[in-house]
Amino acid sequence: MAIKHPREDFRANEENYFHKLDSELIEQIREREKAKAEEAERAAHRGHCADCGGNMVSWSLYGMQGFVCTDCEQVEMQLQTLKVLVMSSDGKEVLKQITQAVGKAILKTA
């Protein structure tokens, strides 16, 4: 039967400790890199249409704001803006004026 040196247990524990520490650090680095990549992906798509990738221009009317694509003319607006539009008594007239404002926004960028 071989006699174990007391330092062998110490070395084994030390190796396990540093392996665990390295694994945790590597995981933290991976999480940070993933977060950076996700932010870069979001930044690359800001100001672009979700459907066609065209440039979005902003419009504002009656305190409501939104965006319109210069290529496919998709209109994007916040839910609160849509609620204001639906709840207004003259919603059809406001919608008509928004359509005109959107057309002017597209013409400004063309």
C-alpha atoms as a PDB file:
ATOM      1  CA  MET A   1       0.000   0.000   0.000  1.00  0.00           C
ATOM      2  CA  ALA A   2       1.390   3.352  -1.069  1.00  0.00           C
ATOM      3  CA  ILE A   3       1.656   6.110   1.431  1.00  0.00           C
ATOM      4  CA  LYS A   4       0.076   9.412   0.372  1.00  0.00           C
ATOM      5  CA  HIS A   5       2.015  12.557   0.853  1.00  0.00           C
ATOM      6  CA  PRO A   6      -0.006  15.258   2.714  1.00  0.00           C
ATOM      7  CA  ARG A   7       0.601  17.729  -0.095  1.00  0.00           C
ATOM      8  CA  GLU A   8      -1.190  15.544  -2.657  1.00  0.00           C
ATOM      9  CA  ASP A   9      -4.579  16.284  -1.083  1.00  0.00           C
ATOM     10  CA  PHE A  10      -3.698  19.971  -0.901  1.00  0.00           C
ATOM     11  CA  ARG A  11      -2.744  20.028  -4.602  1.00  0.00           C
ATOM     12  CA  ALA A  12      -5.935  18.224  -5.589  1.00  0.00           C
ATOM     13  CA  ASN A  13      -8.046  20.715  -3.617  1.00  0.00           C
ATOM     14  CA  GLU A  14      -6.073  23.614  -5.066  1.00  0.00           C
ATOM     15  CA  GLU A  15      -6.598  22.367  -8.629  1.00  0.00           C
ATOM     16  CA  ASN A  16     -10.327  21.916  -8.013  1.00  0.00           C
ATOM     17  CA  TYR A  17     -10.577  25.408  -6.528  1.00  0.00           C
ATOM     18  CA  PHE A  18      -8.851  27.101  -9.461  1.00  0.00           C
ATOM     19  CA  HIS A  19     -10.769  25.012 -11.993  1.00  0.00           C
ATOM     20  CA  LYS A  20     -14.047  26.143 -10.427  1.00  0.00           C
ATOM     21  CA  LEU A  21     -12.861  29.757 -10.266  1.00  0.00           C
ATOM     22  CA  ASP A  22     -11.773  29.697 -13.916  1.00  0.00           C
ATOM     23  CA  SER A  23     -15.094  28.152 -14.974  1.00  0.00           C
ATOM     24  CA  GLU A  24     -17.031  30.907 -13.199  1.00  0.00           C
ATOM     25  CA  LEU A  25     -14.906  33.635 -14.783  1.00  0.00           C
ATOM     26  CA  ILE A  26     -15.288  32.107 -18.243  1.00  0.00           C
ATOM     27  CA  GLU A  27     -19.070  31.979 -17.777  1.00  0.00           C
ATOM     28  CA  GLN A  28     -19.145  35.650 -16.718  1.00  0.00           C
ATOM     29  CA  ILE A  29     -17.116  36.621 -19.795  1.00  0.00           C
ATOM     30  CA  ARG A  30     -19.474  34.649 -22.049  1.00  0.00           C
ATOM     31  CA  GLU A  31     -22.520  36.356 -20.517  1.00  0.00           C
ATOM     32  CA  ARG A  32     -20.971  39.816 -21.026  1.00  0.00           C
ATOM     33  CA  GLU A  33     -20.051  39.012 -24.627  1.00  0.00           C
ATOM     34  CA  LYS A  34     -23.574  37.728 -25.300  1.00  0.00           C
ATOM     35  CA  ALA A  35     -25.087  40.918 -23.847  1.00  0.00           C
ATOM     36  CA  LYS A  36     -22.770  43.049 -26.006  1.00  0.00           C
ATOM     37  CA  ALA A  37     -23.692  41.075 -29.125  1.00  0.00           C
ATOM     38  CA  GLU A  38     -27.421  41.436 -28.394  1.00  0.00           C
ATOM     39  CA  GLU A  39     -27.050  45.201 -27.885  1.00  0.00           C
ATOM     40  CA  ALA A  40     -25.084  45.510 -31.130  1.00  0.00           C
ATOM     41  CA  GLU A  41     -27.830  43.580 -32.930  1.00  0.00           C
ATOM     42  CA  ARG A  42     -30.505  45.906 -31.549  1.00  0.00           C
ATOM     43  CA  ALA A  43     -28.440  48.984 -32.427  1.00  0.00           C
ATOM     44  CA  ALA A  44     -28.015  47.766 -36.000  1.00  0.00           C
ATOM     45  CA  HIS A  45     -31.795  47.595 -36.437  1.00  0.00           C
ATOM     46  CA  ARG A  46     -32.725  50.916 -34.792  1.00  0.00           C
ATOM     47  CA  GLY A  47     -34.342  53.276 -37.236  1.00  0.00           C
ATOM     48  CA  HIS A  48     -35.092  50.522 -39.734  1.00  0.00           C
ATOM     49  CA  CYS A  49     -38.348  48.922 -40.792  1.00  0.00           C
ATOM     50  CA  ALA A  50     -39.157  45.538 -39.275  1.00  0.00           C
ATOM     51  CA  ASP A  51     -40.645  44.291 -42.558  1.00  0.00           C
ATOM     52  CA  CYS A  52     -38.288  45.450 -45.292  1.00  0.00           C
ATOM     53  CA  GLY A  53     -35.302  46.995 -43.489  1.00  0.00           C
ATOM     54  CA  GLY A  54     -35.913  50.443 -45.040  1.00  0.00           C
ATOM     55  CA  ASN A  55     -35.257  53.698 -43.201  1.00  0.00           C
ATOM     56  CA  MET A  56     -37.917  54.921 -40.797  1.00  0.00           C
ATOM     57  CA  VAL A  57     -38.784  58.601 -40.497  1.00  0.00           C
ATOM     58  CA  SER A  58     -40.759  60.118 -37.660  1.00  0.00           C
ATOM     59  CA  TRP A  59     -44.045  61.974 -37.868  1.00  0.00           C
ATOM     60  CA  SER A  60     -45.909  63.968 -35.257  1.00  0.00           C
ATOM     61  CA  LEU A  61     -49.485  65.219 -35.252  1.00  0.00           C
ATOM     62  CA  TYR A  62     -51.842  66.281 -32.449  1.00  0.00           C
ATOM     63  CA  GLY A  63     -49.241  65.261 -29.881  1.00  0.00           C
ATOM     64  CA  MET A  64     -49.092  61.760 -31.333  1.00  0.00           C
ATOM     65  CA  GLN A  65     -45.855  60.384 -32.713  1.00  0.00           C
ATOM     66  CA  GLY A  66     -44.925  57.502 -34.923  1.00  0.00           C
ATOM     67  CA  PHE A  67     -42.620  56.297 -37.652  1.00  0.00           C
ATOM     68  CA  VAL A  68     -43.156  55.426 -41.284  1.00  0.00           C
ATOM     69  CA  CYS A  69     -40.956  53.364 -43.597  1.00  0.00           C
ATOM     70  CA  THR A  70     -39.724  55.249 -46.649  1.00  0.00           C
ATOM     71  CA  ASP A  71     -39.805  52.059 -48.752  1.00  0.00           C
ATOM     72  CA  CYS A  72     -42.897  50.020 -47.876  1.00  0.00           C
ATOM     73  CA  GLU A  73     -44.783  52.792 -46.004  1.00  0.00           C
ATOM     74  CA  GLN A  74     -45.379  50.658 -42.922  1.00  0.00           C
ATOM     75  CA  VAL A  75     -46.480  52.862 -40.026  1.00  0.00           C
ATOM     76  CA  GLU A  76     -45.328  52.178 -36.469  1.00  0.00           C
ATOM     77  CA  MET A  77     -46.685  53.900 -33.382  1.00  0.00           C
ATOM     78  CA  GLN A  78     -46.865  53.318 -29.647  1.00  0.00           C
ATOM     79  CA  LEU A  79     -49.908  51.572 -28.226  1.00  0.00           C
ATOM     80  CA  GLN A  80     -50.842  54.726 -26.286  1.00  0.00           C
ATOM     81  CA  THR A  81     -50.885  56.694 -29.560  1.00  0.00           C
ATOM     82  CA  LEU A  82     -53.210  54.131 -31.091  1.00  0.00           C
ATOM     83  CA  LYS A  83     -55.506  54.284 -28.046  1.00  0.00           C
ATOM     84  CA  VAL A  84     -55.735  58.073 -28.344  1.00  0.00           C
ATOM     85  CA  LEU A  85     -56.619  57.724 -32.007  1.00  0.00           C
ATOM     86  CA  VAL A  86     -59.306  55.098 -31.392  1.00  0.00           C
ATOM     87  CA  MET A  87     -60.838  56.955 -28.449  1.00  0.00           C
ATOM     88  CA  SER A  88     -61.074  60.305 -30.235  1.00  0.00           C
ATOM     89  CA  SER A  89     -64.520  61.270 -31.500  1.00  0.00           C
ATOM     90  CA  ASP A  90     -63.199  62.287 -34.895  1.00  0.00           C
ATOM     91  CA  GLY A  91     -60.855  59.328 -35.332  1.00  0.00           C
ATOM     92  CA  LYS A  92     -61.420  59.041 -39.083  1.00  0.00           C
ATOM     93  CA  GLU A  93     -60.468  62.677 -39.650  1.00  0.00           C
ATOM     94  CA  VAL A  94     -57.381  62.329 -37.462  1.00  0.00           C
ATOM     95  CA  LEU A  95     -56.431  59.162 -39.337  1.00  0.00           C
ATOM     96  CA  LYS A  96     -56.775  61.017 -42.631  1.00  0.00           C
ATOM     97  CA  GLN A  97     -54.515  63.802 -41.358  1.00  0.00           C
ATOM     98  CA  ILE A  98     -51.988  61.240 -40.103  1.00  0.00           C
ATOM     99  CA  THR A  99     -51.965  59.691 -43.569  1.00  0.00           C
ATOM    100  CA  GLN A 100     -51.214  63.107 -45.051  1.00  0.00           C
ATOM    101  CA  ALA A 101     -48.465  63.757 -42.456  1.00  0.00           C
ATOM    102  CA  VAL A 102     -46.942  60.354 -43.231  1.00  0.00           C
ATOM    103  CA  GLY A 103     -46.952  61.175 -46.936  1.00  0.00           C
ATOM    104  CA  LYS A 104     -45.192  64.461 -46.246  1.00  0.00           C
ATOM    105  CA  ALA A 105     -42.594  62.672 -44.108  1.00  0.00           C
ATOM    106  CA  ILE A 106     -41.875  60.273 -46.967  1.00  0.00           C
ATOM    107  CA  LEU A 107     -41.613  63.104 -49.465  1.00  0.00           C
ATOM    108  CA  LYS A 108     -39.109  64.963 -47.231  1.00  0.00           C
ATOM    109  CA  THR A 109     -36.719  62.002 -47.301  1.00  0.00           C
ATOM    110  CA  ALA A 110     -37.069  61.206 -50.995  1.00  0.00           C
END
